């Protein structure tokens, strides 16, 4: 048995949903003051990202009535664990997409806008 966060695609493994774990696009106040706050999904492609290599080069964003959008990501950091991109985002290095529990306690991270 394994516990996994995310979709299980193209795999012979069986999965059962235990709970929802929404992902949030986050950035430090310093990064946003220098680069601006994205207002639309299309604005995200103008920003730098810090992400986990398993996320590839596109992020799925949105889960509302408009559906899901694929956003191409580019940046200065690609990591093979979740802690490095969070640290980079807290250090004003770019946007990051993570679960809120991963962000709690990191430099006063707050849930402001969805």
N, C-alpha and C. Protein backbone atom coordinates (compact mmCIF):
# COMPACT_ATOMS: atom_id res chain seq x y z
N UNK A 1 0.84 -1.16 0.00
CA UNK A 1 0.00 0.00 0.00
C UNK A 1 0.89 1.24 0.00
N UNK A 2 0.43 2.26 -0.68
CA UNK A 2 1.12 3.54 -0.74
C UNK A 2 0.08 4.65 -0.67
N UNK A 3 0.47 5.78 -0.13
CA UNK A 3 -0.39 6.96 -0.13
C UNK A 3 0.21 7.94 -1.11
N UNK A 4 -0.64 8.43 -1.99
CA UNK A 4 -0.16 9.29 -3.08
C UNK A 4 -1.06 10.52 -3.18
N UNK A 5 -0.45 11.65 -3.50
CA UNK A 5 -1.23 12.86 -3.75
C UNK A 5 -1.19 13.12 -5.24
N UNK A 6 -2.34 13.25 -5.84
CA UNK A 6 -2.40 13.52 -7.27
C UNK A 6 -3.13 12.44 -8.02
N UNK A 7 -3.25 12.66 -9.30
CA UNK A 7 -3.94 11.70 -10.17
C UNK A 7 -3.03 10.54 -10.51
N UNK A 8 -3.61 9.39 -10.63
CA UNK A 8 -2.88 8.21 -11.05
C UNK A 8 -3.26 7.93 -12.50
N UNK A 9 -2.34 8.25 -13.40
CA UNK A 9 -2.64 8.08 -14.82
C UNK A 9 -1.72 7.05 -15.43
N UNK A 10 -2.19 6.38 -16.44
CA UNK A 10 -1.40 5.41 -17.19
C UNK A 10 -0.64 4.46 -16.28
N UNK A 11 -1.37 3.82 -15.39
CA UNK A 11 -0.74 2.90 -14.45
C UNK A 11 -1.63 1.69 -14.24
N UNK A 12 -1.03 0.51 -14.05
CA UNK A 12 -1.83 -0.67 -13.76
C UNK A 12 -2.25 -0.74 -12.29
N UNK A 13 -1.80 0.22 -11.47
CA UNK A 13 -2.15 0.23 -10.06
C UNK A 13 -3.60 0.62 -9.85
N UNK A 14 -4.15 0.17 -8.74
CA UNK A 14 -5.51 0.55 -8.38
C UNK A 14 -5.43 1.65 -7.34
N UNK A 15 -6.36 2.58 -7.40
CA UNK A 15 -6.35 3.70 -6.47
C UNK A 15 -7.75 3.94 -5.92
N UNK A 16 -7.77 4.45 -4.71
CA UNK A 16 -9.04 4.84 -4.09
C UNK A 16 -8.84 6.21 -3.45
N UNK A 17 -9.76 7.12 -3.73
CA UNK A 17 -9.68 8.47 -3.17
C UNK A 17 -9.95 8.41 -1.67
N UNK A 18 -9.03 8.97 -0.90
CA UNK A 18 -9.22 9.06 0.54
C UNK A 18 -9.75 10.43 0.95
N UNK A 19 -9.26 11.46 0.29
CA UNK A 19 -9.68 12.83 0.60
C UNK A 19 -9.23 13.76 -0.52
N UNK A 20 -9.83 14.92 -0.58
CA UNK A 20 -9.38 15.95 -1.51
C UNK A 20 -8.18 16.67 -0.92
N UNK A 21 -7.27 17.05 -1.76
CA UNK A 21 -6.10 17.82 -1.34
C UNK A 21 -5.84 18.87 -2.41
N UNK A 22 -6.57 19.99 -2.33
CA UNK A 22 -6.44 21.01 -3.38
C UNK A 22 -5.04 21.60 -3.45
N UNK A 23 -4.65 21.95 -4.65
CA UNK A 23 -3.36 22.59 -4.89
C UNK A 23 -3.60 24.10 -5.05
N UNK A 24 -2.64 24.89 -4.60
CA UNK A 24 -2.73 26.34 -4.67
C UNK A 24 -1.49 26.88 -5.35
N UNK A 25 -1.68 27.87 -6.21
CA UNK A 25 -0.55 28.59 -6.79
C UNK A 25 -0.20 29.69 -5.79
N UNK A 26 1.06 29.70 -5.35
CA UNK A 26 1.50 30.59 -4.28
C UNK A 26 2.75 31.36 -4.70
N UNK A 27 2.94 32.49 -4.06
CA UNK A 27 4.15 33.30 -4.25
C UNK A 27 4.36 34.14 -3.01
N UNK A 28 5.58 34.55 -2.80
CA UNK A 28 5.89 35.41 -1.66
C UNK A 28 5.45 36.83 -1.97
N UNK A 29 5.19 37.63 -0.93
CA UNK A 29 4.85 39.03 -1.16
C UNK A 29 5.96 39.78 -1.91
N UNK A 30 7.23 39.44 -1.64
CA UNK A 30 8.34 40.10 -2.33
C UNK A 30 8.34 39.82 -3.82
N UNK A 31 8.09 38.57 -4.20
CA UNK A 31 8.03 38.22 -5.62
C UNK A 31 6.88 38.97 -6.29
N UNK A 32 5.72 38.97 -5.66
CA UNK A 32 4.54 39.62 -6.26
C UNK A 32 4.72 41.13 -6.36
N UNK A 33 5.41 41.75 -5.41
CA UNK A 33 5.61 43.19 -5.50
C UNK A 33 6.54 43.55 -6.65
N UNK A 34 7.50 42.67 -6.97
CA UNK A 34 8.43 42.93 -8.08
C UNK A 34 7.87 42.54 -9.44
N UNK A 35 7.04 41.49 -9.49
CA UNK A 35 6.60 40.95 -10.78
C UNK A 35 5.10 41.10 -11.04
N UNK A 36 4.37 41.56 -10.07
CA UNK A 36 2.93 41.74 -10.23
C UNK A 36 2.14 40.49 -9.85
N UNK A 37 0.89 40.70 -9.53
CA UNK A 37 -0.01 39.61 -9.14
C UNK A 37 -0.75 39.12 -10.37
N UNK A 38 -0.65 37.82 -10.69
CA UNK A 38 -1.42 37.30 -11.82
C UNK A 38 -2.92 37.44 -11.54
N UNK A 39 -3.63 37.99 -12.47
CA UNK A 39 -5.08 38.19 -12.30
C UNK A 39 -5.90 37.14 -13.05
N UNK A 40 -5.33 36.61 -14.13
CA UNK A 40 -6.01 35.59 -14.95
C UNK A 40 -5.07 34.40 -15.13
N UNK A 41 -5.63 33.28 -15.48
CA UNK A 41 -4.82 32.09 -15.75
C UNK A 41 -3.78 32.39 -16.82
N UNK A 42 -4.17 33.15 -17.83
CA UNK A 42 -3.23 33.46 -18.92
C UNK A 42 -2.03 34.28 -18.43
N UNK A 43 -2.17 35.01 -17.33
CA UNK A 43 -1.06 35.78 -16.76
C UNK A 43 0.04 34.89 -16.22
N UNK A 44 -0.28 33.67 -15.84
CA UNK A 44 0.71 32.77 -15.23
C UNK A 44 1.88 32.48 -16.15
N UNK A 45 1.64 32.46 -17.45
CA UNK A 45 2.72 32.13 -18.38
C UNK A 45 3.79 33.22 -18.45
N UNK A 46 3.52 34.38 -17.86
CA UNK A 46 4.50 35.48 -17.85
C UNK A 46 5.39 35.45 -16.60
N UNK A 47 5.21 34.45 -15.75
CA UNK A 47 5.94 34.38 -14.48
C UNK A 47 6.96 33.26 -14.46
N UNK A 48 7.90 33.36 -13.53
CA UNK A 48 8.88 32.30 -13.28
C UNK A 48 8.29 31.35 -12.25
N UNK A 49 8.70 30.09 -12.35
CA UNK A 49 8.17 29.06 -11.45
C UNK A 49 9.29 28.28 -10.80
N UNK A 50 9.00 27.73 -9.65
CA UNK A 50 9.85 26.74 -8.99
C UNK A 50 8.95 25.52 -8.83
N UNK A 51 9.33 24.40 -9.43
CA UNK A 51 8.42 23.26 -9.42
C UNK A 51 9.15 21.93 -9.28
N UNK A 52 8.36 20.92 -9.01
CA UNK A 52 8.86 19.56 -8.85
C UNK A 52 8.88 18.90 -10.22
N UNK A 53 9.95 18.20 -10.52
CA UNK A 53 10.14 17.62 -11.85
C UNK A 53 8.97 16.73 -12.28
N UNK A 54 8.32 16.07 -11.32
CA UNK A 54 7.19 15.20 -11.66
C UNK A 54 6.03 15.99 -12.24
N UNK A 55 6.01 17.30 -12.03
CA UNK A 55 4.92 18.13 -12.55
C UNK A 55 5.10 18.47 -14.02
N UNK A 56 6.24 18.10 -14.59
CA UNK A 56 6.54 18.33 -16.00
C UNK A 56 6.61 19.82 -16.32
N UNK A 57 6.28 20.19 -17.52
CA UNK A 57 6.41 21.58 -17.94
C UNK A 57 5.07 22.28 -18.14
N UNK A 58 3.99 21.64 -17.72
CA UNK A 58 2.66 22.25 -17.77
C UNK A 58 1.96 21.99 -16.45
N UNK A 59 1.25 22.98 -15.98
CA UNK A 59 0.43 22.80 -14.79
C UNK A 59 -1.02 22.81 -15.19
N UNK A 60 -1.81 21.97 -14.55
CA UNK A 60 -3.26 22.02 -14.69
C UNK A 60 -3.76 22.97 -13.62
N UNK A 61 -4.48 24.01 -14.02
CA UNK A 61 -4.97 25.02 -13.09
C UNK A 61 -6.47 25.16 -13.28
N UNK A 62 -7.19 25.24 -12.18
CA UNK A 62 -8.63 25.46 -12.23
C UNK A 62 -9.41 24.18 -12.07
N UNK A 63 -10.54 24.31 -11.45
CA UNK A 63 -11.41 23.17 -11.24
C UNK A 63 -12.85 23.66 -11.12
N UNK A 64 -13.09 24.85 -11.64
CA UNK A 64 -14.41 25.44 -11.50
C UNK A 64 -15.25 25.25 -12.73
N UNK A 65 -16.27 26.08 -12.87
CA UNK A 65 -17.19 25.97 -14.01
C UNK A 65 -16.50 26.11 -15.36
N UNK A 66 -15.41 26.87 -15.40
CA UNK A 66 -14.70 27.05 -16.67
C UNK A 66 -13.82 25.85 -17.02
N UNK A 67 -13.68 24.93 -16.08
CA UNK A 67 -12.88 23.74 -16.34
C UNK A 67 -11.42 23.91 -15.96
N UNK A 68 -10.61 23.07 -16.53
CA UNK A 68 -9.20 23.04 -16.21
C UNK A 68 -8.39 23.60 -17.37
N UNK A 69 -7.37 24.38 -17.08
CA UNK A 69 -6.50 24.97 -18.08
C UNK A 69 -5.10 24.40 -17.92
N UNK A 70 -4.40 24.23 -19.01
CA UNK A 70 -3.00 23.80 -18.99
C UNK A 70 -2.13 25.04 -19.15
N UNK A 71 -1.24 25.26 -18.20
CA UNK A 71 -0.38 26.45 -18.21
C UNK A 71 1.06 26.01 -18.38
N UNK A 72 1.75 26.48 -19.42
CA UNK A 72 3.17 26.15 -19.56
C UNK A 72 3.97 26.85 -18.48
N UNK A 73 4.92 26.14 -17.87
CA UNK A 73 5.73 26.73 -16.81
C UNK A 73 7.19 26.79 -17.23
N UNK A 74 7.86 27.83 -16.76
CA UNK A 74 9.29 27.98 -17.00
C UNK A 74 9.88 28.60 -15.75
N UNK A 75 11.13 28.33 -15.48
CA UNK A 75 11.72 28.90 -14.29
C UNK A 75 13.18 28.51 -14.13
N UNK A 76 13.71 28.89 -12.98
CA UNK A 76 15.11 28.67 -12.69
C UNK A 76 15.37 27.46 -11.82
N UNK A 77 14.33 26.81 -11.33
CA UNK A 77 14.51 25.67 -10.43
C UNK A 77 13.56 24.55 -10.79
N UNK A 78 14.09 23.37 -10.96
CA UNK A 78 13.31 22.15 -11.09
C UNK A 78 13.90 21.18 -10.08
N UNK A 79 13.08 20.66 -9.19
CA UNK A 79 13.57 19.81 -8.11
C UNK A 79 12.91 18.45 -8.15
N UNK A 80 13.49 17.49 -7.42
CA UNK A 80 12.89 16.16 -7.35
C UNK A 80 12.24 15.92 -6.00
N UNK A 81 11.97 16.99 -5.25
CA UNK A 81 11.25 16.89 -3.98
C UNK A 81 10.41 18.14 -3.81
N UNK A 82 9.50 18.12 -2.87
CA UNK A 82 8.59 19.25 -2.69
C UNK A 82 9.16 20.39 -1.87
N UNK A 83 10.15 20.12 -1.02
CA UNK A 83 10.65 21.15 -0.11
C UNK A 83 11.44 22.24 -0.83
N UNK A 84 12.24 21.89 -1.82
CA UNK A 84 13.09 22.87 -2.50
C UNK A 84 12.27 23.93 -3.24
N UNK A 85 11.24 23.57 -4.00
CA UNK A 85 10.44 24.61 -4.65
C UNK A 85 9.71 25.52 -3.65
N UNK A 86 9.26 24.96 -2.54
CA UNK A 86 8.60 25.78 -1.52
C UNK A 86 9.60 26.78 -0.96
N UNK A 87 10.81 26.32 -0.64
CA UNK A 87 11.84 27.23 -0.12
C UNK A 87 12.18 28.31 -1.14
N UNK A 88 12.24 27.95 -2.41
CA UNK A 88 12.54 28.94 -3.45
C UNK A 88 11.42 29.97 -3.55
N UNK A 89 10.18 29.53 -3.49
CA UNK A 89 9.05 30.46 -3.56
C UNK A 89 9.04 31.39 -2.36
N UNK A 90 9.28 30.86 -1.18
CA UNK A 90 9.35 31.69 0.02
C UNK A 90 10.49 32.70 -0.10
N UNK A 91 11.56 32.33 -0.81
CA UNK A 91 12.71 33.21 -1.02
C UNK A 91 12.58 34.11 -2.23
N UNK A 92 11.36 34.39 -2.67
CA UNK A 92 11.09 35.35 -3.75
C UNK A 92 11.56 34.89 -5.12
N UNK A 93 11.69 33.59 -5.35
CA UNK A 93 12.24 33.09 -6.62
C UNK A 93 11.21 32.75 -7.67
N UNK A 94 9.92 32.77 -7.33
CA UNK A 94 8.91 32.47 -8.34
C UNK A 94 7.65 31.90 -7.74
N UNK A 95 6.74 31.54 -8.61
CA UNK A 95 5.48 30.93 -8.20
C UNK A 95 5.70 29.45 -7.92
N UNK A 96 4.83 28.90 -7.08
CA UNK A 96 4.90 27.49 -6.72
C UNK A 96 3.48 26.97 -6.59
N UNK A 97 3.29 25.71 -6.87
CA UNK A 97 1.97 25.09 -6.73
C UNK A 97 2.10 23.94 -5.74
N UNK A 98 1.40 24.06 -4.62
CA UNK A 98 1.49 23.05 -3.57
C UNK A 98 0.19 22.97 -2.79
N UNK A 99 0.14 21.97 -1.92
CA UNK A 99 -0.97 21.83 -1.00
C UNK A 99 -0.73 22.78 0.17
N UNK A 100 -1.80 23.32 0.73
CA UNK A 100 -1.67 24.26 1.85
C UNK A 100 -0.91 23.64 3.03
N UNK A 101 -1.11 22.36 3.42
CA UNK A 101 -0.32 21.83 4.54
C UNK A 101 1.19 21.93 4.31
N UNK A 102 1.65 21.80 3.09
CA UNK A 102 3.08 21.89 2.78
C UNK A 102 3.60 23.30 3.02
N UNK A 103 2.72 24.29 2.91
CA UNK A 103 3.12 25.69 3.01
C UNK A 103 2.99 26.26 4.42
N UNK A 104 2.18 25.64 5.27
CA UNK A 104 1.93 26.22 6.59
C UNK A 104 3.23 26.32 7.38
N UNK A 105 3.38 27.45 8.04
CA UNK A 105 4.58 27.67 8.84
C UNK A 105 5.77 28.15 8.04
N UNK A 106 5.62 28.40 6.76
CA UNK A 106 6.74 28.84 5.91
C UNK A 106 6.68 30.34 5.71
N UNK A 107 7.41 31.07 6.51
CA UNK A 107 7.52 32.51 6.31
C UNK A 107 6.19 33.24 6.40
N UNK A 108 5.28 32.78 7.25
CA UNK A 108 4.00 33.45 7.42
C UNK A 108 3.09 33.29 6.22
N UNK A 109 3.21 32.18 5.51
CA UNK A 109 2.35 31.95 4.34
C UNK A 109 0.90 32.05 4.76
N UNK A 110 0.13 32.75 3.98
CA UNK A 110 -1.27 32.94 4.28
C UNK A 110 -2.11 32.57 3.07
N UNK A 111 -3.31 32.17 3.35
CA UNK A 111 -4.26 31.86 2.28
C UNK A 111 -5.03 33.13 2.00
N UNK A 112 -4.75 33.76 0.88
CA UNK A 112 -5.37 35.05 0.58
C UNK A 112 -6.42 34.96 -0.51
N UNK A 113 -6.02 34.50 -1.68
CA UNK A 113 -6.94 34.49 -2.83
C UNK A 113 -6.93 33.12 -3.44
N UNK A 114 -8.04 32.71 -3.95
CA UNK A 114 -8.12 31.42 -4.61
C UNK A 114 -8.14 31.60 -6.08
